[in-house]
Structures are given as structure tokens and as C-alpha cells.
C-alpha atoms as a PDB file:
ATOM      1  CA  MET A   1      17.265   4.171  12.168  1.00  0.00           C
ATOM      2  CA  THR A   2      15.181   3.301   9.532  1.00  0.00           C
ATOM      3  CA  VAL A   3      11.974   5.281   8.609  1.00  0.00           C
ATOM      4  CA  ALA A   4       8.766   3.015   8.750  1.00  0.00           C
ATOM      5  CA  ARG A   5       6.006   3.678   6.227  1.00  0.00           C
ATOM      6  CA  ILE A   6       1.838   3.799   6.783  1.00  0.00           C
ATOM      7  CA  TYR A   7      -0.218   3.637   3.257  1.00  0.00           C
ATOM      8  CA  ARG A   8      -3.211   2.118   2.271  1.00  0.00           C
ATOM      9  CA  PRO A   9      -2.298  -0.430  -0.695  1.00  0.00           C
ATOM     10  CA  THR A  10      -3.938   0.449  -4.079  1.00  0.00           C
ATOM     11  CA  LYS A  11      -5.734  -2.517  -5.640  1.00  0.00           C
ATOM     12  CA  THR A  12      -4.029  -5.020  -8.062  1.00  0.00           C
ATOM     13  CA  ALA A  13      -3.915  -4.194 -11.700  1.00  0.00           C
ATOM     14  CA  MET A  14      -4.506  -8.390 -12.077  1.00  0.00           C
ATOM     15  CA  GLN A  15      -8.653  -7.834 -11.214  1.00  0.00           C
ATOM     16  CA  SER A  16     -11.207  -5.482 -10.659  1.00  0.00           C
ATOM     17  CA  GLY A  17     -11.926  -6.219  -6.776  1.00  0.00           C
ATOM     18  CA  ARG A  18     -11.119  -3.613  -3.816  1.00  0.00           C
ATOM     19  CA  ALA A  19     -10.085  -6.464  -1.699  1.00  0.00           C
ATOM     20  CA  ASN A  20      -7.283  -6.145   0.735  1.00  0.00           C
ATOM     21  CA  THR A  21      -6.883  -1.934   0.098  1.00  0.00           C
ATOM     22  CA  ARG A  22      -8.913  -1.096   3.287  1.00  0.00           C
ATOM     23  CA  LYS A  23      -6.738  -1.551   6.112  1.00  0.00           C
ATOM     24  CA  TRP A  24      -3.526   0.795   6.703  1.00  0.00           C
ATOM     25  CA  ILE A  25      -0.220  -1.134   6.293  1.00  0.00           C
ATOM     26  CA  LEU A  26       3.019  -0.173   8.710  1.00  0.00           C
ATOM     27  CA  GLU A  27       6.559  -1.684   7.347  1.00  0.00           C
ATOM     28  CA  PHE A  28       9.831  -0.579   7.569  1.00  0.00           C
ATOM     29  CA  GLU A  29      12.066   1.407   4.589  1.00  0.00           C
ATOM     30  CA  PRO A  30      14.494  -1.401   2.620  1.00  0.00           C
ATOM     31  CA  GLY A  31      17.959  -0.951   5.240  1.00  0.00           C
ATOM     32  CA  ALA A  32      20.005  -2.527   2.746  1.00  0.00           C
ATOM     33  CA  ALA A  33      19.873  -4.012  -0.686  1.00  0.00           C
ATOM     34  CA  LYS A  34      18.878  -7.143  -1.627  1.00  0.00           C
ATOM     35  CA  ILE A  35      21.645 -10.018  -2.571  1.00  0.00           C
ATOM     36  CA  VAL A  36      21.496 -12.634  -5.260  1.00  0.00           C
ATOM     37  CA  ASP A  37      22.866 -16.295  -4.506  1.00  0.00           C
ATOM     38  CA  PRO A  38      25.305 -16.827  -7.338  1.00  0.00           C
ATOM     39  CA  LEU A  39      24.554 -21.101  -6.766  1.00  0.00           C
ATOM     40  CA  MET A  40      20.917 -21.132  -6.571  1.00  0.00           C
ATOM     41  CA  GLY A  41      20.054 -17.514  -7.724  1.00  0.00           C
ATOM     42  CA  TRP A  42      17.319 -16.822  -4.727  1.00  0.00           C
ATOM     43  CA  THR A  43      17.141 -13.218  -2.956  1.00  0.00           C
ATOM     44  CA  GLY A  44      18.102 -12.476   0.262  1.00  0.00           C
ATOM     45  CA  SER A  45      19.455  -9.350   1.983  1.00  0.00           C
ATOM     46  CA  GLY A  46      20.303  -8.871   6.071  1.00  0.00           C
ATOM     47  CA  ASP A  47      17.700  -6.168   6.833  1.00  0.00           C
ATOM     48  CA  MET A  48      15.416  -8.120   8.970  1.00  0.00           C
ATOM     49  CA  GLU A  49      12.767  -5.011   9.165  1.00  0.00           C
ATOM     50  CA  SER A  50      12.064  -5.360   5.705  1.00  0.00           C
ATOM     51  CA  GLN A  51      10.152  -8.764   6.400  1.00  0.00           C
ATOM     52  CA  VAL A  52       7.937  -6.721   8.917  1.00  0.00           C
ATOM     53  CA  ARG A  53       4.067  -5.977   7.544  1.00  0.00           C
ATOM     54  CA  LEU A  54       1.621  -5.237  10.123  1.00  0.00           C
ATOM     55  CA  ARG A  55      -1.674  -3.935   9.411  1.00  0.00           C
ATOM     56  CA  PHE A  56      -4.427  -1.613  11.197  1.00  0.00           C
ATOM     57  CA  ALA A  57      -7.690  -0.619  10.765  1.00  0.00           C
ATOM     58  CA  THR A  58      -7.212   3.266  10.501  1.00  0.00           C
ATOM     59  CA  SER A  59      -3.573   5.102   9.919  1.00  0.00           C
ATOM     60  CA  LYS A  60      -4.357   6.537  13.635  1.00  0.00           C
ATOM     61  CA  GLU A  61      -3.981   3.148  15.123  1.00  0.00           C
ATOM     62  CA  ALA A  62      -0.820   2.596  13.097  1.00  0.00           C
ATOM     63  CA  VAL A  63       0.409   5.878  13.347  1.00  0.00           C
ATOM     64  CA  ASP A  64       0.062   5.717  17.656  1.00  0.00           C
ATOM     65  CA  PHE A  65       1.340   2.343  17.553  1.00  0.00           C
ATOM     66  CA  ALA A  66       4.860   3.822  15.404  1.00  0.00           C
ATOM     67  CA  LYS A  67       4.841   6.562  18.519  1.00  0.00           C
ATOM     68  CA  ARG A  68       4.539   4.305  20.948  1.00  0.00           C
ATOM     69  CA  HIS A  69       7.226   2.075  19.910  1.00  0.00           C
ATOM     70  CA  GLY A  70       9.419   5.180  18.892  1.00  0.00           C
ATOM     71  CA  LEU A  71       9.387   4.595  15.273  1.00  0.00           C
ATOM     72  CA  ALA A  72      10.128   7.550  12.745  1.00  0.00           C
ATOM     73  CA  TYR A  73       7.103   7.240  10.572  1.00  0.00           C
ATOM     74  CA  GLN A  74       6.158   9.085   7.362  1.00  0.00           C
ATOM     75  CA  VAL A  75       2.000   8.131   6.222  1.00  0.00           C
ATOM     76  CA  TYR A  76       1.308   8.798   2.653  1.00  0.00           C
ATOM     77  CA  GLU A  77      -2.268   9.078   2.096  1.00  0.00           C
ATOM     78  CA  PRO A  78      -4.143   7.016  -0.436  1.00  0.00           C
ATOM     79  CA  HIS A  79      -5.772   8.851  -3.785  1.00  0.00           C
ATOM     80  CA  GLU A  80      -9.428   8.338  -3.266  1.00  0.00           C
ATOM     81  CA  ARG A  81     -10.730   7.077  -7.022  1.00  0.00           C
ATOM     82  CA  ILE A  82     -13.656   9.057  -8.472  1.00  0.00           C
ATOM     83  CA  VAL A  83     -17.007   7.890  -8.686  1.00  0.00           C
ATOM     84  CA  ARG A  84     -18.875   9.194 -11.500  1.00  0.00           C
ATOM     85  CA  PRO A  85     -22.788   7.148 -11.383  1.00  0.00           C
ATOM     86  CA  ARG A  86     -23.354   6.431 -14.443  1.00  0.00           C
ATOM     87  CA  SER A  87     -26.236   4.244 -16.266  1.00  0.00           C
ATOM     88  CA  TYR A  88     -25.671   1.896 -19.321  1.00  0.00           C
ATOM     89  CA  ALA A  89     -28.155   3.610 -21.181  1.00  0.00           C
ATOM     90  CA  ASP A  90     -26.199   7.039 -20.887  1.00  0.00           C
ATOM     91  CA  ASN A  91     -24.584   5.006 -23.742  1.00  0.00           C
ATOM     92  CA  PHE A  92     -27.121   5.282 -26.443  1.00  0.00           C
ATOM     93  CA  ALA A  93     -28.485   9.141 -25.331  1.00  0.00           C
ATOM     94  CA  PHE A  94     -29.155  11.534 -28.165  1.00  0.00           C
ATOM     95  CA  ASN A  95     -27.985  14.048 -26.614  1.00  0.00           C
ATOM     96  CA  ARG A  96     -24.106  11.989 -25.831  1.00  0.00           C
ATOM     97  CA  VAL A  97     -20.976  13.976 -25.858  1.00  0.00           C
ATOM     98  CA  ARG A  98     -18.547  12.850 -28.636  1.00  0.00           C
END
């Protein structure tokens, strides 16, 4: 039996925006290794559950879905970033720590 992961994705490294990081995702752990096709070079797998990716507004909804369908699950809590509000003028303050 495969285990479902419930997590909230982090922001991408390509842009500074935080789009697509608000929803919780339920996806299954990979059940089989990926196979490279020798002729075309495509990657494939016989694991159909690895293609399932469900989005939920809250982690509670995702957990309730997993319980309702009898899925083993593991919840990964996100690391919240610490925002320290600063102004541009703080860069030029006389009492600034160097």
C-alpha cells in the first residue's frame, strides 16, 4: 500500500512570487522506479498513482479525503518564512550594525 503525502508546496526558485503556494497537495509516494526507454529516451513508469495530484484549500480537507478513502497519509507542515518589515531608509541609518 502506498503512502500519500500531504504538503503545501514552496515557491519556485525562478520567480519571487508566491503563486501556487496557498493550496495543499495530496500526492502518492513513488511505487516503482522510473524507466528510460532505450529508443526514444522518454521516461516512464508502471506506477499510475504517481500521476495523481489533488489540490485542497486546507490540510484538514486533504486529511479528511485520505481518511474517507482509507489511504495511509503523512502530513508535512510547511516552514513559514519570517518577515521582518524594514524600510529602504534603514539601509542608510547612522546606527546601522555593520
